[in-house]
């Protein structure tokens, strides 16, 4: 008899922690969102626990829509196993089309059910300062993006979610979905730019690979991602540990733009 491994939904857990909500607070927010949407639901702390533990893998429609309202993210970007691929394609206004990241980089939590999870101590969980550099061809300058992110570890998987208001560029939430193999960290990234910013609300995504220093307090490497000129770009990316705690008080302390 073949059994399917239960894989915790660390993406959802990281998003909830990033919102500085307990499981009970999260359930209340989902019920409130249901009322606002005209679709009452019975979300409870127990249901949130079932989602995060992986026992319940696919939320019903009323919960999916409430989750999207509370988190500000499409449900396919919250680590659930969805019965039908939900790629979202839209025109870029220049004769081409772009695909949102929900159907690509951030769904590996669902795919992870097909692989064995290595036992590992939770050595990377905490608040980290994320810093990357990118070159803007239209402005002919190199810029820096910085976020405070809360990183959650389960086995060999890491999920990072930027804290509210903790970005050098306002309203540009960042998500990282990573896998650890000894001192090598590999995975994907997604960043949603501000709707009123220079990039007009574009969603960018790509791959990332980092090397972990022996202290375990710094990871450094490169990102790869597409550009608006139909090209693939790369640049340096670094994560530095700033606090091992993920308590509500700690997350509130780092919910401000990095200096």
Foldseek 3Di string as FASTA:
>chain_A
DDDFDQFFQVLLVQLCLLALHDLQRVQVQLQVLLVVVVHGDRRGSVVSVCNRRRVDQDDDPSSQVSVCVVRVDHSLLRQGDDPDQDWDKDDPVPPHIDIACSRPFRNVSVVCRVDDFAADDFPQFAKKKKKWWDADPVVRDIDMKIFTWTWGDDRQKIKIWGHAAAIPAHPKIKIWTWGDDPQKIKGKMKIFHDCPDPVNRDIWMFIWMWGADPVNFKTKDKTWTADPVRHIDMTIMMIGHDTNDSHSVVSVVNNHYDD
